[in-house]
Amino acid sequence: MPRIVFSTVLTAFAAFALAATAWSAPQDSAVAPGAALDSRDQEFLKKAATVNMMEMELGKAAQRLSQNEAIRKHAESIVRDHSASQKELEALAEKKGFSLPTQLPEADRSALARLEEKQGEAFDKAFLDFSQKGHQNTIALFERALSRSQDADVKAWAEKTLPVLRQHLAMTQQEMGGKTEPVGEKVGEKLKKEMRQILPGQQQQPDQQKRQELDPGEHWNH
């Protein structure tokens, strides 16, 4: 009789251990954060978040420092639209289990500080030039994501955001006096090459020295 009881206890213990293993298995094999996205989509979302943060800071700077009412209104719309875009992006990233950056890279903070040192018309010109180059490269970034992403949610968000970015670019160019440039893959690559020439540490020609004051920082170099 004791043997039967002992055997029963062992069977029950084995069953309990098996059940415990079954409950703990999902934790051990849980999907890693962001694993639902491939590496290109992850990189795109990180860059998009950085762009949003930078645009919000640029817009706030223009609202404080510009003496031009039209530019201040333009800056207000930039802050509003990129704030809304960032909230949507954060919701998308949370859905995918992916963590977004929460601070600007040092290069972007330095570029912003250089811009804020300017005053009056010099600030307005620098802000508009910065905004035009930045939005051209950002549009190229979003167009690539739209054509290459395999994630339906990422593609839908990029498609929804692109018209707003194009509107910002058009408004910027209108403030610049109607100067326009085509936007797309080729222009994005052209700007990428152009901006690399003025990154810190690169040898500069005399006519490039002034342009480095407006180096938009690493997040524009897609």
Protein backbone atom coordinates (compact mmCIF):
# COMPACT_ATOMS: atom_id res chain seq x y z
CA MET A 1 0.00 0.00 0.00
CA PRO A 2 2.78 2.50 0.81
CA ARG A 3 4.29 1.74 -2.60
CA ILE A 4 0.99 2.65 -4.28
CA VAL A 5 0.75 5.90 -2.32
CA PHE A 6 4.38 6.78 -3.07
CA SER A 7 3.85 6.04 -6.75
CA THR A 8 0.76 8.21 -6.79
CA VAL A 9 2.67 11.08 -5.16
CA LEU A 10 5.45 10.83 -7.73
CA THR A 11 2.93 10.86 -10.58
CA ALA A 12 1.18 13.90 -9.15
CA PHE A 13 4.49 15.71 -8.63
CA ALA A 14 5.56 14.94 -12.20
CA ALA A 15 2.27 16.27 -13.52
CA PHE A 16 2.65 19.45 -11.46
CA ALA A 17 6.20 19.97 -12.72
CA LEU A 18 5.06 19.50 -16.32
CA ALA A 19 2.27 22.00 -15.86
CA ALA A 20 4.64 24.52 -14.31
CA THR A 21 7.02 24.10 -17.24
CA ALA A 22 4.17 24.65 -19.66
CA TRP A 23 3.15 27.90 -17.93
CA SER A 24 6.69 29.25 -17.86
CA ALA A 25 7.51 28.34 -21.49
CA PRO A 26 5.83 31.38 -23.05
CA GLN A 27 7.96 33.70 -20.90
CA ASP A 28 11.16 31.97 -21.96
CA SER A 29 10.22 32.10 -25.65
CA ALA A 30 8.62 35.54 -25.60
CA VAL A 31 9.08 37.65 -28.73
CA ALA A 32 11.87 40.16 -28.27
CA PRO A 33 10.85 43.85 -28.28
CA GLY A 34 10.54 45.12 -31.83
CA ALA A 35 10.85 41.63 -33.31
CA ALA A 36 7.59 42.17 -35.15
CA LEU A 37 9.45 44.71 -37.31
CA ASP A 38 12.40 44.04 -39.57
CA SER A 39 15.58 46.04 -39.16
CA ARG A 40 14.72 48.55 -41.88
CA ASP A 41 11.35 49.35 -40.33
CA GLN A 42 12.93 49.71 -36.91
CA GLU A 43 15.50 52.13 -38.29
CA PHE A 44 12.79 54.07 -40.11
CA LEU A 45 10.71 54.48 -36.94
CA LYS A 46 13.75 55.64 -34.98
CA LYS A 47 14.61 58.24 -37.61
CA ALA A 48 10.98 59.36 -37.87
CA ALA A 49 10.84 59.89 -34.11
CA THR A 50 14.05 61.93 -34.22
CA VAL A 51 12.68 64.01 -37.08
CA ASN A 52 9.50 64.73 -35.12
CA MET A 53 11.43 65.78 -32.02
CA MET A 54 13.76 67.98 -34.05
CA GLU A 55 10.94 69.65 -35.97
CA MET A 56 9.09 70.41 -32.75
CA GLU A 57 12.19 72.03 -31.27
CA LEU A 58 12.86 73.99 -34.47
CA GLY A 59 9.27 75.20 -34.57
CA LYS A 60 9.39 76.30 -30.95
CA ALA A 61 12.64 78.16 -31.61
CA ALA A 62 11.09 79.97 -34.58
CA GLN A 63 8.05 80.91 -32.52
CA ARG A 64 10.35 82.49 -29.92
CA LEU A 65 13.00 84.08 -32.12
CA SER A 66 11.44 85.04 -35.44
CA GLN A 67 10.11 88.55 -35.93
CA ASN A 68 8.21 87.48 -39.03
CA GLU A 69 4.54 86.75 -38.33
CA ALA A 70 4.16 84.42 -41.32
CA ILE A 71 7.16 82.36 -40.21
CA ARG A 72 5.84 82.17 -36.66
CA LYS A 73 2.51 80.85 -37.95
CA HIS A 74 4.35 78.36 -40.15
CA ALA A 75 6.37 77.28 -37.12
CA GLU A 76 3.18 76.89 -35.10
CA SER A 77 1.77 74.49 -37.69
CA ILE A 78 5.03 72.53 -37.72
CA VAL A 79 4.91 72.07 -33.94
CA ARG A 80 1.24 71.09 -34.02
CA ASP A 81 1.55 68.61 -36.90
CA HIS A 82 4.73 66.93 -35.70
CA SER A 83 3.35 66.66 -32.17
CA ALA A 84 0.33 64.82 -33.57
CA SER A 85 2.60 62.70 -35.76
CA GLN A 86 4.73 61.76 -32.77
CA LYS A 87 1.70 60.61 -30.78
CA GLU A 88 0.62 58.40 -33.66
CA LEU A 89 4.16 57.05 -34.01
CA GLU A 90 4.36 56.27 -30.30
CA ALA A 91 1.09 54.33 -30.51
CA LEU A 92 2.40 52.41 -33.52
CA ALA A 93 5.69 51.61 -31.79
CA GLU A 94 3.87 50.43 -28.67
CA LYS A 95 1.70 48.16 -30.79
CA LYS A 96 4.83 46.64 -32.31
CA GLY A 97 6.64 46.34 -28.98
CA PHE A 98 9.36 48.72 -30.15
CA SER A 99 11.04 51.47 -28.11
CA LEU A 100 11.58 54.86 -29.73
CA PRO A 101 14.36 57.31 -28.90
CA THR A 102 13.33 59.99 -26.41
CA GLN A 103 16.21 62.44 -26.84
CA LEU A 104 17.82 64.18 -29.77
CA PRO A 105 21.30 63.06 -30.83
CA GLU A 106 24.14 65.37 -29.85
CA ALA A 107 24.65 66.48 -33.46
CA ASP A 108 21.05 67.66 -33.68
CA ARG A 109 21.22 69.48 -30.34
CA SER A 110 24.37 71.25 -31.51
CA ALA A 111 22.75 72.25 -34.81
CA LEU A 112 19.75 73.60 -32.94
CA ALA A 113 21.98 75.60 -30.61
CA ARG A 114 23.82 77.15 -33.57
CA LEU A 115 20.52 78.12 -35.14
CA GLU A 116 19.26 79.74 -31.93
CA GLU A 117 22.33 81.98 -31.82
CA LYS A 118 21.08 83.83 -34.90
CA GLN A 119 18.75 86.82 -34.76
CA GLY A 120 16.33 88.71 -36.98
CA GLU A 121 16.48 88.08 -40.71
CA ALA A 122 19.57 85.91 -40.31
CA PHE A 123 17.58 83.55 -38.10
CA ASP A 124 14.62 83.49 -40.50
CA LYS A 125 16.83 82.68 -43.48
CA ALA A 126 18.69 79.98 -41.58
CA PHE A 127 15.47 78.45 -40.26
CA LEU A 128 13.86 78.30 -43.71
CA ASP A 129 16.98 76.87 -45.35
CA PHE A 130 17.27 74.29 -42.59
CA SER A 131 13.58 73.41 -42.89
CA GLN A 132 13.70 73.02 -46.67
CA LYS A 133 16.70 70.68 -46.70
CA GLY A 134 15.36 68.72 -43.75
CA HIS A 135 11.91 68.19 -45.23
CA GLN A 136 13.31 67.19 -48.61
CA ASN A 137 15.40 64.45 -47.02
CA THR A 138 12.58 63.41 -44.70
CA ILE A 139 10.16 63.07 -47.61
CA ALA A 140 12.69 60.87 -49.41
CA LEU A 141 13.01 58.78 -46.23
CA PHE A 142 9.24 58.29 -45.99
CA GLU A 143 8.94 57.48 -49.69
CA ARG A 144 11.53 54.75 -49.33
CA ALA A 145 9.74 53.33 -46.31
CA LEU A 146 6.46 53.35 -48.19
CA SER A 147 7.94 51.42 -51.09
CA ARG A 148 10.10 48.98 -49.13
CA SER A 149 8.33 48.25 -45.85
CA GLN A 150 6.69 44.85 -45.47
CA ASP A 151 4.61 45.98 -42.49
CA ALA A 152 1.09 47.17 -43.35
CA ASP A 153 0.83 49.44 -40.30
CA VAL A 154 4.16 51.13 -40.98
CA LYS A 155 3.26 51.69 -44.62
CA ALA A 156 -0.14 53.10 -43.68
CA TRP A 157 1.40 55.57 -41.24
CA ALA A 158 4.06 56.66 -43.73
CA GLU A 159 1.42 57.15 -46.42
CA LYS A 160 -0.73 59.21 -44.04
CA THR A 161 2.20 61.39 -42.95
CA LEU A 162 3.72 62.14 -46.36
CA PRO A 163 1.10 64.75 -47.42
CA VAL A 164 1.75 66.72 -44.24
CA LEU A 165 5.50 66.70 -44.86
CA ARG A 166 4.96 67.86 -48.44
CA GLN A 167 2.69 70.62 -47.22
CA HIS A 168 5.36 71.79 -44.77
CA LEU A 169 7.93 71.84 -47.57
CA ALA A 170 5.60 73.83 -49.83
CA MET A 171 4.93 76.35 -47.05
CA THR A 172 8.64 76.70 -46.37
CA GLN A 173 9.42 77.28 -50.03
CA GLN A 174 6.62 79.81 -50.25
CA GLU A 175 8.21 81.76 -47.39
CA MET A 176 11.53 81.55 -49.24
CA GLY A 177 9.99 83.38 -52.16
CA GLY A 178 8.68 80.49 -54.22
CA LYS A 179 11.98 78.67 -54.64
CA THR A 180 11.12 75.04 -55.25
CA GLU A 181 13.01 71.85 -55.95
CA PRO A 182 11.67 68.45 -56.95
CA VAL A 183 11.45 65.94 -54.13
CA GLY A 184 12.06 62.20 -54.31
CA GLU A 185 14.67 59.49 -54.25
CA LYS A 186 17.18 61.24 -56.53
CA VAL A 187 16.97 64.54 -54.71
CA GLY A 188 17.18 62.76 -51.37
CA GLU A 189 20.39 61.04 -52.44
CA LYS A 190 21.75 64.31 -53.81
CA LEU A 191 21.06 66.08 -50.52
CA LYS A 192 22.51 63.18 -48.58
CA LYS A 193 25.78 63.51 -50.52
CA GLU A 194 25.70 67.28 -50.16
CA MET A 195 25.16 67.18 -46.40
CA ARG A 196 27.93 64.60 -45.90
CA GLN A 197 30.37 67.13 -47.34
CA ILE A 198 29.69 69.53 -44.48
CA LEU A 199 29.56 67.12 -41.55
CA PRO A 200 32.09 67.84 -38.77
CA GLY A 201 35.47 66.27 -39.44
CA GLN A 202 35.24 66.56 -43.22
CA GLN A 203 37.59 68.81 -45.15
CA GLN A 204 35.76 71.94 -46.29
CA GLN A 205 36.16 74.35 -49.13
CA PRO A 206 35.87 78.09 -48.33
CA ASP A 207 32.38 78.36 -49.83
CA GLN A 208 31.24 75.45 -47.63
CA GLN A 209 32.28 77.04 -44.34
CA LYS A 210 29.18 79.20 -44.06
CA ARG A 211 26.91 76.25 -44.88
CA GLN A 212 28.23 74.20 -41.96
CA GLU A 213 26.62 76.66 -39.58
CA LEU A 214 23.35 75.09 -40.70
CA ASP A 215 24.43 71.45 -40.65
CA PRO A 216 21.08 69.84 -39.84
CA GLY A 217 22.63 66.99 -37.87
CA GLU A 218 22.76 63.26 -38.36
CA HIS A 219 19.05 62.54 -38.52
CA TRP A 220 18.69 64.28 -41.88
CA ASN A 221 21.33 62.03 -43.45
CA HIS A 222 19.15 59.12 -44.48
